[in-house]
Amino acid sequence: MKVLMLNGSAHQKGTTFRALEEIGRGLKAEGVEYEVFQLGGGPIRDCIGCGKCSENGCIFDDDAVNEFIERAKEADGFVFG
């Protein structure tokens, strides 16, 4: 089992990250793999409703959204912080 944790804070190693890491320690103790994904801190484009995302992911590739989506496909659970 794998849990993907999203850090939406602009502070990569701030209090949100520390809270996610604390959750991660508990998951690890139960034998659950986890990963913290840093999404906050950089620009994220708004959806423009073009419909291209249904083909190969979002057409904008200058943010981390597509990478998050690919990792999310592999995850069994999520924690958002």
PDB file of N, CA and C in Angstrom:
ATOM      1  N   MET A   1       0.848  -1.175   0.000  1.00  0.00           N
ATOM      2  CA  MET A   1       0.000   0.000   0.000  1.00  0.00           C
ATOM      3  C   MET A   1       0.887   1.230   0.000  1.00  0.00           C
ATOM      4  N   LYS A   2       0.478   2.260  -0.739  1.00  0.00           N
ATOM      5  CA  LYS A   2       1.235   3.504  -0.815  1.00  0.00           C
ATOM      6  C   LYS A   2       0.302   4.694  -0.641  1.00  0.00           C
ATOM      7  N   VAL A   3       0.745   5.646   0.185  1.00  0.00           N
ATOM      8  CA  VAL A   3      -0.005   6.874   0.430  1.00  0.00           C
ATOM      9  C   VAL A   3       0.801   8.042  -0.128  1.00  0.00           C
ATOM     10  N   LEU A   4       0.138   8.874  -0.904  1.00  0.00           N
ATOM     11  CA  LEU A   4       0.753  10.080  -1.454  1.00  0.00           C
ATOM     12  C   LEU A   4       0.267  11.260  -0.629  1.00  0.00           C
ATOM     13  N   MET A   5       1.217  12.000  -0.072  1.00  0.00           N
ATOM     14  CA  MET A   5       0.886  13.164   0.743  1.00  0.00           C
ATOM     15  C   MET A   5       1.253  14.426  -0.017  1.00  0.00           C
ATOM     16  N   LEU A   6       0.319  15.343  -0.127  1.00  0.00           N
ATOM     17  CA  LEU A   6       0.523  16.583  -0.866  1.00  0.00           C
ATOM     18  C   LEU A   6       0.823  17.719   0.094  1.00  0.00           C
ATOM     19  N   ASN A   7       1.974  18.336  -0.082  1.00  0.00           N
ATOM     20  CA  ASN A   7       2.324  19.519   0.699  1.00  0.00           C
ATOM     21  C   ASN A   7       1.995  20.735  -0.146  1.00  0.00           C
ATOM     22  N   GLY A   8       0.915  21.408   0.177  1.00  0.00           N
ATOM     23  CA  GLY A   8       0.487  22.579  -0.570  1.00  0.00           C
ATOM     24  C   GLY A   8       1.069  23.873  -0.049  1.00  0.00           C
ATOM     25  N   SER A   9       1.889  23.797   0.981  1.00  0.00           N
ATOM     26  CA  SER A   9       2.489  25.001   1.551  1.00  0.00           C
ATOM     27  C   SER A   9       3.625  25.510   0.674  1.00  0.00           C
ATOM     28  N   ALA A  10       3.789  26.820   0.645  1.00  0.00           N
ATOM     29  CA  ALA A  10       4.915  27.409  -0.078  1.00  0.00           C
ATOM     30  C   ALA A  10       6.240  27.144   0.633  1.00  0.00           C
ATOM     31  N   HIS A  11       6.169  26.807   1.905  1.00  0.00           N
ATOM     32  CA  HIS A  11       7.371  26.523   2.695  1.00  0.00           C
ATOM     33  C   HIS A  11       7.660  25.022   2.626  1.00  0.00           C
ATOM     34  N   GLN A  12       8.616  24.664   1.790  1.00  0.00           N
ATOM     35  CA  GLN A  12       8.875  23.259   1.487  1.00  0.00           C
ATOM     36  C   GLN A  12       9.153  22.410   2.729  1.00  0.00           C
ATOM     37  N   LYS A  13       9.860  22.935   3.694  1.00  0.00           N
ATOM     38  CA  LYS A  13      10.192  22.167   4.902  1.00  0.00           C
ATOM     39  C   LYS A  13       9.607  22.824   6.147  1.00  0.00           C
ATOM     40  N   GLY A  14       8.450  23.444   6.009  1.00  0.00           N
ATOM     41  CA  GLY A  14       7.815  24.147   7.112  1.00  0.00           C
ATOM     42  C   GLY A  14       6.960  23.234   7.979  1.00  0.00           C
ATOM     43  N   THR A  15       6.006  23.832   8.680  1.00  0.00           N
ATOM     44  CA  THR A  15       5.194  23.089   9.638  1.00  0.00           C
ATOM     45  C   THR A  15       4.257  22.087   8.966  1.00  0.00           C
ATOM     46  N   THR A  16       3.769  22.406   7.780  1.00  0.00           N
ATOM     47  CA  THR A  16       2.912  21.446   7.078  1.00  0.00           C
ATOM     48  C   THR A  16       3.711  20.205   6.727  1.00  0.00           C
ATOM     49  N   PHE A  17       4.929  20.398   6.245  1.00  0.00           N
ATOM     50  CA  PHE A  17       5.800  19.268   5.937  1.00  0.00           C
ATOM     51  C   PHE A  17       6.067  18.437   7.184  1.00  0.00           C
ATOM     52  N   ARG A  18       6.344  19.106   8.289  1.00  0.00           N
ATOM     53  CA  ARG A  18       6.613  18.367   9.533  1.00  0.00           C
ATOM     54  C   ARG A  18       5.388  17.568   9.980  1.00  0.00           C
ATOM     55  N   ALA A  19       4.206  18.135   9.803  1.00  0.00           N
ATOM     56  CA  ALA A  19       2.981  17.407  10.155  1.00  0.00           C
ATOM     57  C   ALA A  19       2.807  16.178   9.252  1.00  0.00           C
ATOM     58  N   LEU A  20       3.072  16.349   7.961  1.00  0.00           N
ATOM     59  CA  LEU A  20       2.971  15.209   7.038  1.00  0.00           C
ATOM     60  C   LEU A  20       4.004  14.142   7.373  1.00  0.00           C
ATOM     61  N   GLU A  21       5.199  14.551   7.724  1.00  0.00           N
ATOM     62  CA  GLU A  21       6.235  13.587   8.112  1.00  0.00           C
ATOM     63  C   GLU A  21       5.826  12.822   9.376  1.00  0.00           C
ATOM     64  N   GLU A  22       5.168  13.496  10.301  1.00  0.00           N
ATOM     65  CA  GLU A  22       4.690  12.825  11.520  1.00  0.00           C
ATOM     66  C   GLU A  22       3.653  11.762  11.158  1.00  0.00           C
ATOM     67  N   ILE A  23       2.739  12.109  10.266  1.00  0.00           N
ATOM     68  CA  ILE A  23       1.766  11.124   9.779  1.00  0.00           C
ATOM     69  C   ILE A  23       2.497   9.982   9.092  1.00  0.00           C
ATOM     70  N   GLY A  24       3.514  10.332   8.307  1.00  0.00           N
ATOM     71  CA  GLY A  24       4.305   9.324   7.597  1.00  0.00           C
ATOM     72  C   GLY A  24       4.982   8.344   8.536  1.00  0.00           C
ATOM     73  N   ARG A  25       5.479   8.833   9.667  1.00  0.00           N
ATOM     74  CA  ARG A  25       6.100   7.920  10.647  1.00  0.00           C
ATOM     75  C   ARG A  25       5.082   6.902  11.157  1.00  0.00           C
ATOM     76  N   GLY A  26       3.868   7.371  11.393  1.00  0.00           N
ATOM     77  CA  GLY A  26       2.814   6.455  11.832  1.00  0.00           C
ATOM     78  C   GLY A  26       2.462   5.447  10.753  1.00  0.00           C
ATOM     79  N   LEU A  27       2.401   5.894   9.509  1.00  0.00           N
ATOM     80  CA  LEU A  27       2.120   4.978   8.398  1.00  0.00           C
ATOM     81  C   LEU A  27       3.220   3.947   8.254  1.00  0.00           C
ATOM     82  N   LYS A  28       4.463   4.418   8.330  1.00  0.00           N
ATOM     83  CA  LYS A  28       5.608   3.510   8.184  1.00  0.00           C
ATOM     84  C   LYS A  28       5.609   2.446   9.277  1.00  0.00           C
ATOM     85  N   ALA A  29       5.225   2.857  10.483  1.00  0.00           N
ATOM     86  CA  ALA A  29       5.164   1.904  11.600  1.00  0.00           C
ATOM     87  C   ALA A  29       4.135   0.809  11.342  1.00  0.00           C
ATOM     88  N   GLU A  30       3.142   1.118  10.503  1.00  0.00           N
ATOM     89  CA  GLU A  30       2.111   0.133  10.150  1.00  0.00           C
ATOM     90  C   GLU A  30       2.436  -0.591   8.840  1.00  0.00           C
ATOM     91  N   GLY A  31       3.636  -0.330   8.293  1.00  0.00           N
ATOM     92  CA  GLY A  31       4.052  -0.996   7.071  1.00  0.00           C
ATOM     93  C   GLY A  31       3.539  -0.372   5.790  1.00  0.00           C
ATOM     94  N   VAL A  32       3.105   0.876   5.870  1.00  0.00           N
ATOM     95  CA  VAL A  32       2.564   1.575   4.703  1.00  0.00           C
ATOM     96  C   VAL A  32       3.642   2.503   4.144  1.00  0.00           C
ATOM     97  N   GLU A  33       3.888   2.384   2.852  1.00  0.00           N
ATOM     98  CA  GLU A  33       4.839   3.257   2.172  1.00  0.00           C
ATOM     99  C   GLU A  33       4.181   4.619   1.948  1.00  0.00           C
ATOM    100  N   TYR A  34       4.973   5.691   2.004  1.00  0.00           N
ATOM    101  CA  TYR A  34       4.422   7.013   1.757  1.00  0.00           C
ATOM    102  C   TYR A  34       5.433   7.883   1.030  1.00  0.00           C
ATOM    103  N   GLU A  35       4.906   8.940   0.421  1.00  0.00           N
ATOM    104  CA  GLU A  35       5.737   9.921  -0.266  1.00  0.00           C
ATOM    105  C   GLU A  35       5.107  11.289  -0.051  1.00  0.00           C
ATOM    106  N   VAL A  36       5.937  12.288   0.240  1.00  0.00           N
ATOM    107  CA  VAL A  36       5.469  13.661   0.351  1.00  0.00           C
ATOM    108  C   VAL A  36       5.784  14.354  -0.972  1.00  0.00           C
ATOM    109  N   PHE A  37       4.755  14.899  -1.609  1.00  0.00           N
ATOM    110  CA  PHE A  37       4.909  15.597  -2.884  1.00  0.00           C
ATOM    111  C   PHE A  37       4.738  17.085  -2.649  1.00  0.00           C
ATOM    112  N   GLN A  38       5.747  17.876  -3.010  1.00  0.00           N
ATOM    113  CA  GLN A  38       5.711  19.321  -2.832  1.00  0.00           C
ATOM    114  C   GLN A  38       5.035  19.974  -4.032  1.00  0.00           C
ATOM    115  N   LEU A  39       3.864  20.544  -3.821  1.00  0.00           N
ATOM    116  CA  LEU A  39       3.152  21.237  -4.899  1.00  0.00           C
ATOM    117  C   LEU A  39       3.117  22.740  -4.662  1.00  0.00           C
ATOM    118  N   GLY A  40       3.056  23.150  -3.414  1.00  0.00           N
ATOM    119  CA  GLY A  40       2.998  24.576  -3.104  1.00  0.00           C
ATOM    120  C   GLY A  40       4.331  25.260  -3.344  1.00  0.00           C
ATOM    121  N   GLY A  41       4.262  26.565  -3.519  1.00  0.00           N
ATOM    122  CA  GLY A  41       5.471  27.349  -3.687  1.00  0.00           C
ATOM    123  C   GLY A  41       5.750  27.749  -5.124  1.00  0.00           C
ATOM    124  N   GLY A  42       5.127  27.083  -6.046  1.00  0.00           N
ATOM    125  CA  GLY A  42       5.310  27.429  -7.459  1.00  0.00           C
ATOM    126  C   GLY A  42       3.975  27.758  -8.089  1.00  0.00           C
ATOM    127  N   PRO A  43       4.009  28.324  -9.270  1.00  0.00           N
ATOM    128  CA  PRO A  43       2.743  28.654  -9.931  1.00  0.00           C
ATOM    129  C   PRO A  43       2.006  27.408 -10.394  1.00  0.00           C
ATOM    130  N   ILE A  44       0.693  27.447 -10.334  1.00  0.00           N
ATOM    131  CA  ILE A  44      -0.164  26.369 -10.834  1.00  0.00           C
ATOM    132  C   ILE A  44      -1.213  27.024 -11.709  1.00  0.00           C
ATOM    133  N   ARG A  45      -1.327  26.561 -12.917  1.00  0.00           N
ATOM    134  CA  ARG A  45      -2.264  27.160 -13.865  1.00  0.00           C
ATOM    135  C   ARG A  45      -3.699  26.753 -13.560  1.00  0.00           C
ATOM    136  N   ASP A  46      -4.607  27.641 -13.883  1.00  0.00           N
ATOM    137  CA  ASP A  46      -6.033  27.336 -13.786  1.00  0.00           C
ATOM    138  C   ASP A  46      -6.459  26.533 -15.009  1.00  0.00           C
ATOM    139  N   CYS A  47      -7.472  25.738 -14.845  1.00  0.00           N
ATOM    140  CA  CYS A  47      -8.042  25.002 -15.970  1.00  0.00           C
ATOM    141  C   CYS A  47      -8.747  25.990 -16.905  1.00  0.00           C
ATOM    142  N   ILE A  48      -8.511  25.836 -18.208  1.00  0.00           N
ATOM    143  CA  ILE A  48      -9.180  26.699 -19.182  1.00  0.00           C
ATOM    144  C   ILE A  48     -10.277  25.953 -19.932  1.00  0.00           C
ATOM    145  N   GLY A  49     -10.539  24.704 -19.533  1.00  0.00           N
ATOM    146  CA  GLY A  49     -11.632  23.941 -20.114  1.00  0.00           C
ATOM    147  C   GLY A  49     -11.417  23.513 -21.549  1.00  0.00           C
ATOM    148  N   CYS A  50     -10.169  23.308 -21.944  1.00  0.00           N
ATOM    149  CA  CYS A  50      -9.883  22.980 -23.340  1.00  0.00           C
ATOM    150  C   CYS A  50     -10.168  21.515 -23.679  1.00  0.00           C
ATOM    151  N   GLY A  51     -10.269  20.663 -22.645  1.00  0.00           N
ATOM    152  CA  GLY A  51     -10.569  19.251 -22.870  1.00  0.00           C
ATOM    153  C   GLY A  51      -9.373  18.398 -23.253  1.00  0.00           C
ATOM    154  N   LYS A  52      -8.211  18.972 -23.416  1.00  0.00           N
ATOM    155  CA  LYS A  52      -7.012  18.226 -23.804  1.00  0.00           C
ATOM    156  C   LYS A  52      -6.522  17.299 -22.693  1.00  0.00           C
ATOM    157  N   CYS A  53      -6.912  17.557 -21.465  1.00  0.00           N
ATOM    158  CA  CYS A  53      -6.429  16.752 -20.344  1.00  0.00           C
ATOM    159  C   CYS A  53      -6.890  15.304 -20.431  1.00  0.00           C
ATOM    160  N   SER A  54      -7.964  15.057 -21.097  1.00  0.00           N
ATOM    161  CA  SER A  54      -8.460  13.690 -21.204  1.00  0.00           C
ATOM    162  C   SER A  54      -7.574  12.838 -22.106  1.00  0.00           C
ATOM    163  N   GLU A  55      -6.695  13.460 -22.880  1.00  0.00           N
ATOM    164  CA  GLU A  55      -5.819  12.726 -23.775  1.00  0.00           C
ATOM    165  C   GLU A  55      -4.497  12.357 -23.102  1.00  0.00           C
ATOM    166  N   ASN A  56      -3.732  13.344 -22.678  1.00  0.00           N
ATOM    167  CA  ASN A  56      -2.386  13.088 -22.143  1.00  0.00           C
ATOM    168  C   ASN A  56      -2.056  13.907 -20.913  1.00  0.00           C
ATOM    169  N   GLY A  57      -3.013  14.251 -20.123  1.00  0.00           N
ATOM    170  CA  GLY A  57      -2.764  15.131 -18.993  1.00  0.00           C
ATOM    171  C   GLY A  57      -2.902  16.569 -19.443  1.00  0.00           C
ATOM    172  N   CYS A  58      -2.723  17.466 -18.519  1.00  0.00           N
ATOM    173  CA  CYS A  58      -2.874  18.895 -18.819  1.00  0.00           C
ATOM    174  C   CYS A  58      -1.849  19.323 -19.860  1.00  0.00           C
ATOM    175  N   ILE A  59      -2.274  20.173 -20.791  1.00  0.00           N
ATOM    176  CA  ILE A  59      -1.360  20.629 -21.836  1.00  0.00           C
ATOM    177  C   ILE A  59      -0.303  21.581 -21.304  1.00  0.00           C
ATOM    178  N   PHE A  60      -0.550  22.188 -20.144  1.00  0.00           N
ATOM    179  CA  PHE A  60       0.459  23.044 -19.533  1.00  0.00           C
ATOM    180  C   PHE A  60       1.467  22.155 -18.823  1.00  0.00           C
ATOM    181  N   ASP A  61       2.729  22.309 -19.158  1.00  0.00           N
ATOM    182  CA  ASP A  61       3.740  21.467 -18.538  1.00  0.00           C
ATOM    183  C   ASP A  61       4.746  22.282 -17.731  1.00  0.00           C
ATOM    184  N   ASP A  62       4.391  23.506 -17.397  1.00  0.00           N
ATOM    185  CA  ASP A  62       5.311  24.354 -16.648  1.00  0.00           C
ATOM    186  C   ASP A  62       4.969  24.419 -15.158  1.00  0.00           C
ATOM    187  N   ASP A  63       4.164  23.473 -14.684  1.00  0.00           N
ATOM    188  CA  ASP A  63       3.926  23.337 -13.252  1.00  0.00           C
ATOM    189  C   ASP A  63       3.976  21.850 -12.903  1.00  0.00           C
ATOM    190  N   ALA A  64       3.768  21.525 -11.637  1.00  0.00           N
ATOM    191  CA  ALA A  64       3.947  20.148 -11.169  1.00  0.00           C
ATOM    192  C   ALA A  64       2.665  19.326 -11.196  1.00  0.00           C
ATOM    193  N   VAL A  65       1.588  19.846 -11.762  1.00  0.00           N
ATOM    194  CA  VAL A  65       0.302  19.154 -11.716  1.00  0.00           C
ATOM    195  C   VAL A  65       0.351  17.810 -12.440  1.00  0.00           C
ATOM    196  N   ASN A  66       0.912  17.758 -13.629  1.00  0.00           N
ATOM    197  CA  ASN A  66       0.972  16.487 -14.362  1.00  0.00           C
ATOM    198  C   ASN A  66       1.784  15.440 -13.608  1.00  0.00           C
ATOM    199  N   GLU A  67       2.892  15.860 -13.011  1.00  0.00           N
ATOM    200  CA  GLU A  67       3.703  14.927 -12.221  1.00  0.00           C
ATOM    201  C   GLU A  67       2.898  14.403 -11.033  1.00  0.00           C
ATOM    202  N   PHE A  68       2.158  15.284 -10.370  1.00  0.00           N
ATOM    203  CA  PHE A  68       1.323  14.849  -9.253  1.00  0.00           C
ATOM    204  C   PHE A  68       0.272  13.846  -9.720  1.00  0.00           C
ATOM    205  N   ILE A  69      -0.360  14.116 -10.848  1.00  0.00           N
ATOM    206  CA  ILE A  69      -1.391  13.212 -11.369  1.00  0.00           C
ATOM    207  C   ILE A  69      -0.819  11.830 -11.650  1.00  0.00           C
ATOM    208  N   GLU A  70       0.371  11.775 -12.240  1.00  0.00           N
ATOM    209  CA  GLU A  70       0.996  10.480 -12.525  1.00  0.00           C
ATOM    210  C   GLU A  70       1.293   9.716 -11.242  1.00  0.00           C
ATOM    211  N   ARG A  71       1.799  10.397 -10.240  1.00  0.00           N
ATOM    212  CA  ARG A  71       2.073   9.734  -8.958  1.00  0.00           C
ATOM    213  C   ARG A  71       0.776   9.333  -8.259  1.00  0.00           C
ATOM    214  N   ALA A  72      -0.264  10.147  -8.426  1.00  0.00           N
ATOM    215  CA  ALA A  72      -1.553   9.851  -7.802  1.00  0.00           C
ATOM    216  C   ALA A  72      -2.158   8.563  -8.354  1.00  0.00           C
ATOM    217  N   LYS A  73      -1.907   8.279  -9.608  1.00  0.00           N
ATOM    218  CA  LYS A  73      -2.428   7.047 -10.208  1.00  0.00           C
ATOM    219  C   LYS A  73      -1.873   5.807  -9.538  1.00  0.00           C
ATOM    220  N   GLU A  74      -0.704   5.915  -8.937  1.00  0.00           N
ATOM    221  CA  GLU A  74      -0.038   4.787  -8.273  1.00  0.00           C
ATOM    222  C   GLU A  74      -0.422   4.675  -6.793  1.00  0.00           C
ATOM    223  N   ALA A  75      -1.062   5.697  -6.265  1.00  0.00           N
ATOM    224  CA  ALA A  75      -1.330   5.742  -4.820  1.00  0.00           C
ATOM    225  C   ALA A  75      -2.622   5.026  -4.458  1.00  0.00           C
ATOM    226  N   ASP A  76      -2.617   4.477  -3.257  1.00  0.00           N
ATOM    227  CA  ASP A  76      -3.817   3.837  -2.707  1.00  0.00           C
ATOM    228  C   ASP A  76      -4.578   4.768  -1.768  1.00  0.00           C
ATOM    229  N   GLY A  77      -3.904   5.821  -1.319  1.00  0.00           N
ATOM    230  CA  GLY A  77      -4.528   6.770  -0.414  1.00  0.00           C
ATOM    231  C   GLY A  77      -3.839   8.108  -0.485  1.00  0.00           C
ATOM    232  N   PHE A  78      -4.470   9.138   0.074  1.00  0.00           N
ATOM    233  CA  PHE A  78      -3.949  10.500   0.013  1.00  0.00           C
ATOM    234  C   PHE A  78      -4.081  11.184   1.358  1.00  0.00           C
ATOM    235  N   VAL A  79      -3.134  12.093   1.621  1.00  0.00           N
ATOM    236  CA  VAL A  79      -3.215  13.026   2.730  1.00  0.00           C
ATOM    237  C   VAL A  79      -2.878  14.382   2.145  1.00  0.00           C
ATOM    238  N   PHE A  80      -3.733  15.367   2.342  1.00  0.00           N
ATOM    239  CA  PHE A  80      -3.522  16.707   1.810  1.00  0.00           C
ATOM    240  C   PHE A  80      -3.207  17.654   2.956  1.00  0.00           C
ATOM    241  N   GLY A  81      -2.101  18.377   2.818  1.00  0.00           N
ATOM    242  CA  GLY A  81      -1.703  19.330   3.844  1.00  0.00           C
ATOM    243  C   GLY A  81      -1.297  20.642   3.241  1.00  0.00           C
TER     244      GLY A  81
END
